[in-house]
Amino acid sequence: MQTLTWLLIVIIIIIHLLLFNGNQQSNAQYNNNQVIKTKNSEHFVLPYSATNSDRLHPLVYTYAIPKTTNWILTIQNNLSYTFNKEAKTIVKLQEPRPSDKFIEIAMFSDISKKFWAAVNTHDSGYVRLYEKDTDGWSRDQPIIIAHENNQGLSITNGKRIIVDKLSINDFTIGSIAVYGKDDPQSVLNTYAGDISFDVIYGNPADSPIFFLPLGMLVGVGGLVIGLLFFKKRKISY
C-alpha cells in the first residue's frame, strides 16, 4: 500500500511538471521575462544579459510574497557561455531586508564547469560549502536548492546531492539576484540563451512533493526530462 502511494505521488508530480513545462515552452518564445504563478509555485525566466551584469548592479527578481521555510527551487541553465574559462553565472538567493543572509551558487562556463555553493549568515559569515574547479555541475538535470523546516538546506549540482540537510536557522527567499561580472569592465560571460527558476513552496501538508526525498526528486527530474525528449522526437517524426 505504501509503495502504491509513493507511485501515485510520483505520477502526480510528473504530470504536473509535464504540464508546467509545456506551458513554459509555449510562452517563453514571446517573453523571456514571463512570470507564471500558481497557488504553490512561481516561475520566471531571465535572459542571458542578466549574467553580464556586474556584482554591484545585478539583475534582481523580487518575489511579491517571500517564500518562507518550506520551498524547493529548481534552476535550469540554458545559457551559452563565451569561450572563456572564467565566464560564469552567479545566482544569489536573498532574504528580505534588513537580513544579510543569502545562499549563493556559481556555474562557470563549459570549458571548466567550475561550481561552488556558499551561504552567508550573521553568525558564521560567508562560507563555501562546496567547491570544485572542474566538472562541478551538469546540464543533464536542473540545479535544485531546497529548504524544509525540519530538514534544513539541501543542494544538488545537476548530478548529485552536494549539501545535505544543513541547518541554517530557517531561510526565507525574498529575491533572487543574478550577475556574472566582477566589475563593469570585465568581459562578457554569455551571448545567448536564458536561465529559468521554478519554486514550489508552502506547507508540506498541502503539497505531496515535500514528502519526497531530494534524491528521489532528482530521479524524477531525470525521468521527466527523458519523457519530454521522447515526446519531442515523436512530434518531430
C-alpha atoms as a PDB file:
ATOM      1  CA  MET A   1       0.000   0.000   0.000  1.00  0.00           C
ATOM      2  CA  GLN A   2       2.825   2.383   0.867  1.00  0.00           C
ATOM      3  CA  THR A   3       4.577   1.580  -2.420  1.00  0.00           C
ATOM      4  CA  LEU A   4       1.377   2.339  -4.330  1.00  0.00           C
ATOM      5  CA  THR A   5       1.022   5.657  -2.501  1.00  0.00           C
ATOM      6  CA  TRP A   6       4.570   6.671  -3.448  1.00  0.00           C
ATOM      7  CA  LEU A   7       3.923   5.647  -7.053  1.00  0.00           C
ATOM      8  CA  LEU A   8       0.786   7.778  -7.208  1.00  0.00           C
ATOM      9  CA  ILE A   9       2.659  10.771  -5.770  1.00  0.00           C
ATOM     10  CA  VAL A  10       5.428  10.404  -8.348  1.00  0.00           C
ATOM     11  CA  ILE A  11       2.880  10.138 -11.181  1.00  0.00           C
ATOM     12  CA  ILE A  12       1.104  13.291  -9.958  1.00  0.00           C
ATOM     13  CA  ILE A  13       4.390  15.203  -9.870  1.00  0.00           C
ATOM     14  CA  ILE A  14       5.379  14.008 -13.349  1.00  0.00           C
ATOM     15  CA  ILE A  15       2.028  15.088 -14.795  1.00  0.00           C
ATOM     16  CA  HIS A  16       2.284  18.457 -13.037  1.00  0.00           C
ATOM     17  CA  LEU A  17       5.807  19.054 -14.311  1.00  0.00           C
ATOM     18  CA  LEU A  18       4.945  17.979 -17.855  1.00  0.00           C
ATOM     19  CA  LEU A  19       2.029  20.379 -17.995  1.00  0.00           C
ATOM     20  CA  PHE A  20       4.017  23.173 -16.367  1.00  0.00           C
ATOM     21  CA  ASN A  21       6.948  22.658 -18.741  1.00  0.00           C
ATOM     22  CA  GLY A  22       4.630  22.680 -21.732  1.00  0.00           C
ATOM     23  CA  ASN A  23       3.189  25.993 -20.567  1.00  0.00           C
ATOM     24  CA  GLN A  24       6.703  27.376 -20.197  1.00  0.00           C
ATOM     25  CA  GLN A  25       7.727  26.353 -23.713  1.00  0.00           C
ATOM     26  CA  SER A  26       4.639  27.829 -25.333  1.00  0.00           C
ATOM     27  CA  ASN A  27       5.038  31.184 -23.586  1.00  0.00           C
ATOM     28  CA  ALA A  28       8.815  31.644 -23.359  1.00  0.00           C
ATOM     29  CA  GLN A  29       9.149  32.378 -27.068  1.00  0.00           C
ATOM     30  CA  TYR A  30       7.080  35.532 -26.597  1.00  0.00           C
ATOM     31  CA  ASN A  31       8.640  36.956 -23.440  1.00  0.00           C
ATOM     32  CA  ASN A  32      11.873  35.896 -21.773  1.00  0.00           C
ATOM     33  CA  ASN A  33      10.719  37.589 -18.555  1.00  0.00           C
ATOM     34  CA  GLN A  34       7.494  35.559 -18.467  1.00  0.00           C
ATOM     35  CA  VAL A  35       6.211  35.053 -14.924  1.00  0.00           C
ATOM     36  CA  ILE A  36       3.834  32.175 -14.225  1.00  0.00           C
ATOM     37  CA  LYS A  37       2.239  31.841 -10.808  1.00  0.00           C
ATOM     38  CA  THR A  38       0.029  29.156  -9.271  1.00  0.00           C
ATOM     39  CA  LYS A  39      -1.170  28.604  -5.713  1.00  0.00           C
ATOM     40  CA  ASN A  40       2.049  26.881  -4.620  1.00  0.00           C
ATOM     41  CA  SER A  41       4.558  27.722  -7.347  1.00  0.00           C
ATOM     42  CA  GLU A  42       6.166  30.594  -9.213  1.00  0.00           C
ATOM     43  CA  HIS A  43       8.198  30.517 -12.417  1.00  0.00           C
ATOM     44  CA  PHE A  44      10.259  33.160 -14.183  1.00  0.00           C
ATOM     45  CA  VAL A  45      12.934  33.296 -16.885  1.00  0.00           C
ATOM     46  CA  LEU A  46      15.836  35.729 -17.171  1.00  0.00           C
ATOM     47  CA  PRO A  47      17.661  36.406 -20.466  1.00  0.00           C
ATOM     48  CA  TYR A  48      21.384  35.819 -20.916  1.00  0.00           C
ATOM     49  CA  SER A  49      22.051  39.546 -20.421  1.00  0.00           C
ATOM     50  CA  ALA A  50      21.425  39.042 -16.680  1.00  0.00           C
ATOM     51  CA  THR A  51      24.774  37.251 -16.354  1.00  0.00           C
ATOM     52  CA  ASN A  52      26.530  40.186 -17.995  1.00  0.00           C
ATOM     53  CA  SER A  53      25.540  42.418 -15.084  1.00  0.00           C
ATOM     54  CA  ASP A  54      28.257  43.162 -12.535  1.00  0.00           C
ATOM     55  CA  ARG A  55      28.195  42.225  -8.848  1.00  0.00           C
ATOM     56  CA  LEU A  56      27.296  45.760  -7.721  1.00  0.00           C
ATOM     57  CA  HIS A  57      24.431  46.029 -10.215  1.00  0.00           C
ATOM     58  CA  PRO A  58      22.905  42.543 -10.513  1.00  0.00           C
ATOM     59  CA  LEU A  59      19.590  41.795 -12.159  1.00  0.00           C
ATOM     60  CA  VAL A  60      17.192  41.133  -9.280  1.00  0.00           C
ATOM     61  CA  TYR A  61      13.847  39.352  -9.313  1.00  0.00           C
ATOM     62  CA  THR A  62      11.870  40.167  -6.149  1.00  0.00           C
ATOM     63  CA  TYR A  63       9.039  37.926  -5.018  1.00  0.00           C
ATOM     64  CA  ALA A  64       5.865  39.855  -4.228  1.00  0.00           C
ATOM     65  CA  ILE A  65       5.306  37.388  -1.391  1.00  0.00           C
ATOM     66  CA  PRO A  66       8.536  35.965   0.140  1.00  0.00           C
ATOM     67  CA  LYS A  67       8.797  32.171   0.144  1.00  0.00           C
ATOM     68  CA  THR A  68       9.162  31.081   3.752  1.00  0.00           C
ATOM     69  CA  THR A  69      10.695  27.979   5.332  1.00  0.00           C
ATOM     70  CA  ASN A  70       9.441  25.160   3.073  1.00  0.00           C
ATOM     71  CA  TRP A  71      10.415  25.505  -0.587  1.00  0.00           C
ATOM     72  CA  ILE A  72      12.141  23.741  -3.469  1.00  0.00           C
ATOM     73  CA  LEU A  73      13.841  25.849  -6.164  1.00  0.00           C
ATOM     74  CA  THR A  74      14.948  24.353  -9.480  1.00  0.00           C
ATOM     75  CA  ILE A  75      17.304  26.264 -11.765  1.00  0.00           C
ATOM     76  CA  GLN A  76      17.644  25.348 -15.431  1.00  0.00           C
ATOM     77  CA  ASN A  77      20.761  26.837 -17.021  1.00  0.00           C
ATOM     78  CA  ASN A  78      20.239  27.210 -20.787  1.00  0.00           C
ATOM     79  CA  LEU A  79      22.939  29.848 -21.223  1.00  0.00           C
ATOM     80  CA  SER A  80      25.551  29.910 -23.992  1.00  0.00           C
ATOM     81  CA  TYR A  81      28.859  30.987 -22.452  1.00  0.00           C
ATOM     82  CA  THR A  82      31.635  32.855 -24.202  1.00  0.00           C
ATOM     83  CA  PHE A  83      34.868  30.933 -24.865  1.00  0.00           C
ATOM     84  CA  ASN A  84      36.428  31.953 -21.576  1.00  0.00           C
ATOM     85  CA  LYS A  85      37.078  29.629 -18.660  1.00  0.00           C
ATOM     86  CA  GLU A  86      36.319  32.495 -16.248  1.00  0.00           C
ATOM     87  CA  ALA A  87      32.886  33.151 -17.751  1.00  0.00           C
ATOM     88  CA  LYS A  88      30.331  32.440 -15.045  1.00  0.00           C
ATOM     89  CA  THR A  89      26.843  32.913 -13.651  1.00  0.00           C
ATOM     90  CA  ILE A  90      26.307  33.811 -10.002  1.00  0.00           C
ATOM     91  CA  VAL A  91      22.866  33.157  -8.504  1.00  0.00           C
ATOM     92  CA  LYS A  92      22.161  34.592  -5.072  1.00  0.00           C
ATOM     93  CA  LEU A  93      19.034  33.763  -3.072  1.00  0.00           C
ATOM     94  CA  GLN A  94      18.494  36.653  -0.660  1.00  0.00           C
ATOM     95  CA  GLU A  95      16.363  37.059   2.424  1.00  0.00           C
ATOM     96  CA  PRO A  96      14.213  40.219   2.634  1.00  0.00           C
ATOM     97  CA  ARG A  97      15.920  43.297   4.059  1.00  0.00           C
ATOM     98  CA  PRO A  98      17.386  44.051   6.550  1.00  0.00           C
ATOM     99  CA  SER A  99      18.687  40.453   6.698  1.00  0.00           C
ATOM    100  CA  ASP A 100      22.106  39.891   5.120  1.00  0.00           C
ATOM    101  CA  LYS A 101      21.622  36.112   4.899  1.00  0.00           C
ATOM    102  CA  PHE A 102      21.932  34.585   1.432  1.00  0.00           C
ATOM    103  CA  ILE A 103      22.567  31.332  -0.441  1.00  0.00           C
ATOM    104  CA  GLU A 104      24.886  31.536  -3.438  1.00  0.00           C
ATOM    105  CA  ILE A 105      25.816  29.226  -6.293  1.00  0.00           C
ATOM    106  CA  ALA A 106      28.259  29.804  -9.152  1.00  0.00           C
ATOM    107  CA  MET A 107      28.177  27.992 -12.510  1.00  0.00           C
ATOM    108  CA  PHE A 108      31.213  28.536 -14.728  1.00  0.00           C
ATOM    109  CA  SER A 109      31.449  28.013 -18.488  1.00  0.00           C
ATOM    110  CA  ASP A 110      31.513  24.609 -20.161  1.00  0.00           C
ATOM    111  CA  ILE A 111      35.301  24.839 -20.516  1.00  0.00           C
ATOM    112  CA  SER A 112      35.791  24.052 -16.821  1.00  0.00           C
ATOM    113  CA  LYS A 113      32.295  23.601 -15.366  1.00  0.00           C
ATOM    114  CA  LYS A 114      33.616  25.040 -12.099  1.00  0.00           C
ATOM    115  CA  PHE A 115      30.930  25.218  -9.416  1.00  0.00           C
ATOM    116  CA  TRP A 116      30.546  26.403  -5.877  1.00  0.00           C
ATOM    117  CA  ALA A 117      27.792  26.664  -3.294  1.00  0.00           C
ATOM    118  CA  ALA A 118      28.018  29.074  -0.365  1.00  0.00           C
ATOM    119  CA  VAL A 119      25.944  30.614   2.394  1.00  0.00           C
ATOM    120  CA  ASN A 120      26.246  33.883   4.272  1.00  0.00           C
ATOM    121  CA  THR A 121      24.778  34.098   7.765  1.00  0.00           C
ATOM    122  CA  HIS A 122      25.017  36.585  10.613  1.00  0.00           C
ATOM    123  CA  ASP A 123      26.730  34.075  12.903  1.00  0.00           C
ATOM    124  CA  SER A 124      29.203  32.414  10.522  1.00  0.00           C
ATOM    125  CA  GLY A 125      29.715  34.994   7.781  1.00  0.00           C
ATOM    126  CA  TYR A 126      30.431  33.841   4.207  1.00  0.00           C
ATOM    127  CA  VAL A 127      31.257  30.125   3.948  1.00  0.00           C
ATOM    128  CA  ARG A 128      31.870  27.978   0.844  1.00  0.00           C
ATOM    129  CA  LEU A 129      30.045  24.718   1.481  1.00  0.00           C
ATOM    130  CA  TYR A 130      31.181  23.030  -1.727  1.00  0.00           C
ATOM    131  CA  GLU A 131      33.646  23.943  -4.465  1.00  0.00           C
ATOM    132  CA  LYS A 132      35.006  22.010  -7.438  1.00  0.00           C
ATOM    133  CA  ASP A 133      37.252  23.511 -10.115  1.00  0.00           C
ATOM    134  CA  THR A 134      36.372  21.094 -12.937  1.00  0.00           C
ATOM    135  CA  ASP A 135      33.224  19.192 -13.893  1.00  0.00           C
ATOM    136  CA  GLY A 136      31.438  20.631 -10.897  1.00  0.00           C
ATOM    137  CA  TRP A 137      27.949  20.864 -12.392  1.00  0.00           C
ATOM    138  CA  SER A 138      25.849  19.375 -15.176  1.00  0.00           C
ATOM    139  CA  ARG A 139      23.088  20.488 -17.538  1.00  0.00           C
ATOM    140  CA  ASP A 140      21.610  16.962 -17.591  1.00  0.00           C
ATOM    141  CA  GLN A 141      19.306  17.797 -14.703  1.00  0.00           C
ATOM    142  CA  PRO A 142      18.409  21.130 -13.096  1.00  0.00           C
ATOM    143  CA  ILE A 143      20.225  22.544 -10.104  1.00  0.00           C
ATOM    144  CA  ILE A 144      17.990  22.030  -7.056  1.00  0.00           C
ATOM    145  CA  ILE A 145      18.108  24.099  -3.863  1.00  0.00           C
ATOM    146  CA  ALA A 146      15.648  23.066  -1.169  1.00  0.00           C
ATOM    147  CA  HIS A 147      14.858  24.080   2.385  1.00  0.00           C
ATOM    148  CA  GLU A 148      12.451  22.387   4.764  1.00  0.00           C
ATOM    149  CA  ASN A 149      11.611  23.248   8.337  1.00  0.00           C
ATOM    150  CA  ASN A 150      12.894  20.034   9.916  1.00  0.00           C
ATOM    151  CA  GLN A 151      15.435  19.047   7.251  1.00  0.00           C
ATOM    152  CA  GLY A 152      17.419  22.243   6.659  1.00  0.00           C
ATOM    153  CA  LEU A 153      19.168  23.136   3.395  1.00  0.00           C
ATOM    154  CA  SER A 154      19.980  20.698   0.584  1.00  0.00           C
ATOM    155  CA  ILE A 155      21.580  21.435  -2.815  1.00  0.00           C
ATOM    156  CA  THR A 156      22.250  19.346  -5.929  1.00  0.00           C
ATOM    157  CA  ASN A 157      24.620  20.310  -8.744  1.00  0.00           C
ATOM    158  CA  GLY A 158      22.654  18.611 -11.528  1.00  0.00           C
ATOM    159  CA  LYS A 159      24.402  15.308 -10.840  1.00  0.00           C
ATOM    160  CA  ARG A 160      24.199  14.551  -7.138  1.00  0.00           C
ATOM    161  CA  ILE A 161      23.474  15.996  -3.702  1.00  0.00           C
ATOM    162  CA  ILE A 162      26.388  18.188  -2.591  1.00  0.00           C
ATOM    163  CA  VAL A 163      24.836  19.801   0.516  1.00  0.00           C
ATOM    164  CA  ASP A 164      22.513  17.656   2.608  1.00  0.00           C
ATOM    165  CA  LYS A 165      20.233  18.769   5.452  1.00  0.00           C
ATOM    166  CA  LEU A 166      22.348  21.680   6.615  1.00  0.00           C
ATOM    167  CA  SER A 167      20.856  23.719   9.446  1.00  0.00           C
ATOM    168  CA  ILE A 168      20.954  27.459   8.704  1.00  0.00           C
ATOM    169  CA  ASN A 169      18.262  28.507  11.187  1.00  0.00           C
ATOM    170  CA  ASP A 170      15.496  28.832   8.599  1.00  0.00           C
ATOM    171  CA  PHE A 171      15.594  30.715   5.304  1.00  0.00           C
ATOM    172  CA  THR A 172      13.047  32.920   3.507  1.00  0.00           C
ATOM    173  CA  ILE A 173      13.572  33.720  -0.172  1.00  0.00           C
ATOM    174  CA  GLY A 174      12.790  37.390  -0.723  1.00  0.00           C
ATOM    175  CA  SER A 175      14.596  37.847  -4.033  1.00  0.00           C
ATOM    176  CA  ILE A 176      16.996  36.226  -6.478  1.00  0.00           C
ATOM    177  CA  ALA A 177      19.949  38.195  -7.842  1.00  0.00           C
ATOM    178  CA  VAL A 178      21.869  37.142 -10.966  1.00  0.00           C
ATOM    179  CA  TYR A 179      25.167  38.502 -12.293  1.00  0.00           C
ATOM    180  CA  GLY A 180      28.481  37.311 -13.685  1.00  0.00           C
ATOM    181  CA  LYS A 181      30.929  40.190 -13.962  1.00  0.00           C
ATOM    182  CA  ASP A 182      33.273  41.066 -11.102  1.00  0.00           C
ATOM    183  CA  ASP A 183      33.296  44.682 -12.295  1.00  0.00           C
ATOM    184  CA  PRO A 184      31.687  46.657 -15.165  1.00  0.00           C
ATOM    185  CA  GLN A 185      34.853  46.431 -17.322  1.00  0.00           C
ATOM    186  CA  SER A 186      35.005  42.621 -17.249  1.00  0.00           C
ATOM    187  CA  VAL A 187      34.446  40.707 -20.493  1.00  0.00           C
ATOM    188  CA  LEU A 188      31.030  39.285 -21.334  1.00  0.00           C
ATOM    189  CA  ASN A 189      30.042  35.970 -19.767  1.00  0.00           C
ATOM    190  CA  THR A 190      27.249  34.832 -22.080  1.00  0.00           C
ATOM    191  CA  TYR A 191      25.922  35.676 -25.534  1.00  0.00           C
ATOM    192  CA  ALA A 192      22.649  33.702 -25.860  1.00  0.00           C
ATOM    193  CA  GLY A 193      20.093  31.591 -24.033  1.00  0.00           C
ATOM    194  CA  ASP A 194      18.328  32.081 -20.711  1.00  0.00           C
ATOM    195  CA  ILE A 195      18.140  30.809 -17.164  1.00  0.00           C
ATOM    196  CA  SER A 196      14.840  29.749 -15.592  1.00  0.00           C
ATOM    197  CA  PHE A 197      13.705  29.481 -11.986  1.00  0.00           C
ATOM    198  CA  ASP A 198      10.821  27.410 -10.622  1.00  0.00           C
ATOM    199  CA  VAL A 199       9.941  27.451  -6.939  1.00  0.00           C
ATOM    200  CA  ILE A 200       7.407  25.223  -5.192  1.00  0.00           C
ATOM    201  CA  TYR A 201       6.570  26.389  -1.690  1.00  0.00           C
ATOM    202  CA  GLY A 202       4.120  26.216   1.189  1.00  0.00           C
ATOM    203  CA  ASN A 203       3.048  23.901   3.975  1.00  0.00           C
ATOM    204  CA  PRO A 204       4.344  20.351   3.342  1.00  0.00           C
ATOM    205  CA  ALA A 205       0.894  19.027   4.223  1.00  0.00           C
ATOM    206  CA  ASP A 206      -0.530  20.958   1.269  1.00  0.00           C
ATOM    207  CA  SER A 207       1.964  19.651  -1.299  1.00  0.00           C
ATOM    208  CA  PRO A 208       2.893  15.949  -1.623  1.00  0.00           C
ATOM    209  CA  ILE A 209       6.195  16.868  -3.298  1.00  0.00           C
ATOM    210  CA  PHE A 210       7.658  17.758   0.109  1.00  0.00           C
ATOM    211  CA  PHE A 211       7.288  14.158   1.238  1.00  0.00           C
ATOM    212  CA  LEU A 212       9.740  13.014  -1.442  1.00  0.00           C
ATOM    213  CA  PRO A 213      13.442  12.796  -0.532  1.00  0.00           C
ATOM    214  CA  LEU A 214      15.653  15.122  -2.564  1.00  0.00           C
ATOM    215  CA  GLY A 215      17.373  12.150  -4.191  1.00  0.00           C
ATOM    216  CA  MET A 216      14.049  10.908  -5.495  1.00  0.00           C
ATOM    217  CA  LEU A 217      13.268  14.384  -6.827  1.00  0.00           C
ATOM    218  CA  VAL A 218      16.493  14.252  -8.831  1.00  0.00           C
ATOM    219  CA  GLY A 219      15.474  10.872 -10.231  1.00  0.00           C
ATOM    220  CA  VAL A 220      12.001  12.098 -11.097  1.00  0.00           C
ATOM    221  CA  GLY A 221      13.554  15.151 -12.760  1.00  0.00           C
ATOM    222  CA  GLY A 222      15.655  12.858 -14.951  1.00  0.00           C
ATOM    223  CA  LEU A 223      12.588  10.812 -15.859  1.00  0.00           C
ATOM    224  CA  VAL A 224      10.637  13.946 -16.774  1.00  0.00           C
ATOM    225  CA  ILE A 225      13.465  15.180 -18.990  1.00  0.00           C
ATOM    226  CA  GLY A 226      13.550  11.770 -20.695  1.00  0.00           C
ATOM    227  CA  LEU A 227       9.810  11.820 -21.302  1.00  0.00           C
ATOM    228  CA  LEU A 228       9.959  15.333 -22.720  1.00  0.00           C
ATOM    229  CA  PHE A 229      12.834  14.359 -25.028  1.00  0.00           C
ATOM    230  CA  PHE A 230      10.888  11.314 -26.242  1.00  0.00           C
ATOM    231  CA  LYS A 231       7.793  13.471 -26.752  1.00  0.00           C
ATOM    232  CA  LYS A 232       9.748  15.998 -28.840  1.00  0.00           C
ATOM    233  CA  ARG A 233      11.239  13.242 -31.019  1.00  0.00           C
ATOM    234  CA  LYS A 234       7.830  11.698 -31.537  1.00  0.00           C
ATOM    235  CA  ILE A 235       6.342  15.029 -32.589  1.00  0.00           C
ATOM    236  CA  SER A 236       9.233  15.684 -34.993  1.00  0.00           C
ATOM    237  CA  TYR A 237       8.502  12.430 -36.803  1.00  0.00           C
END
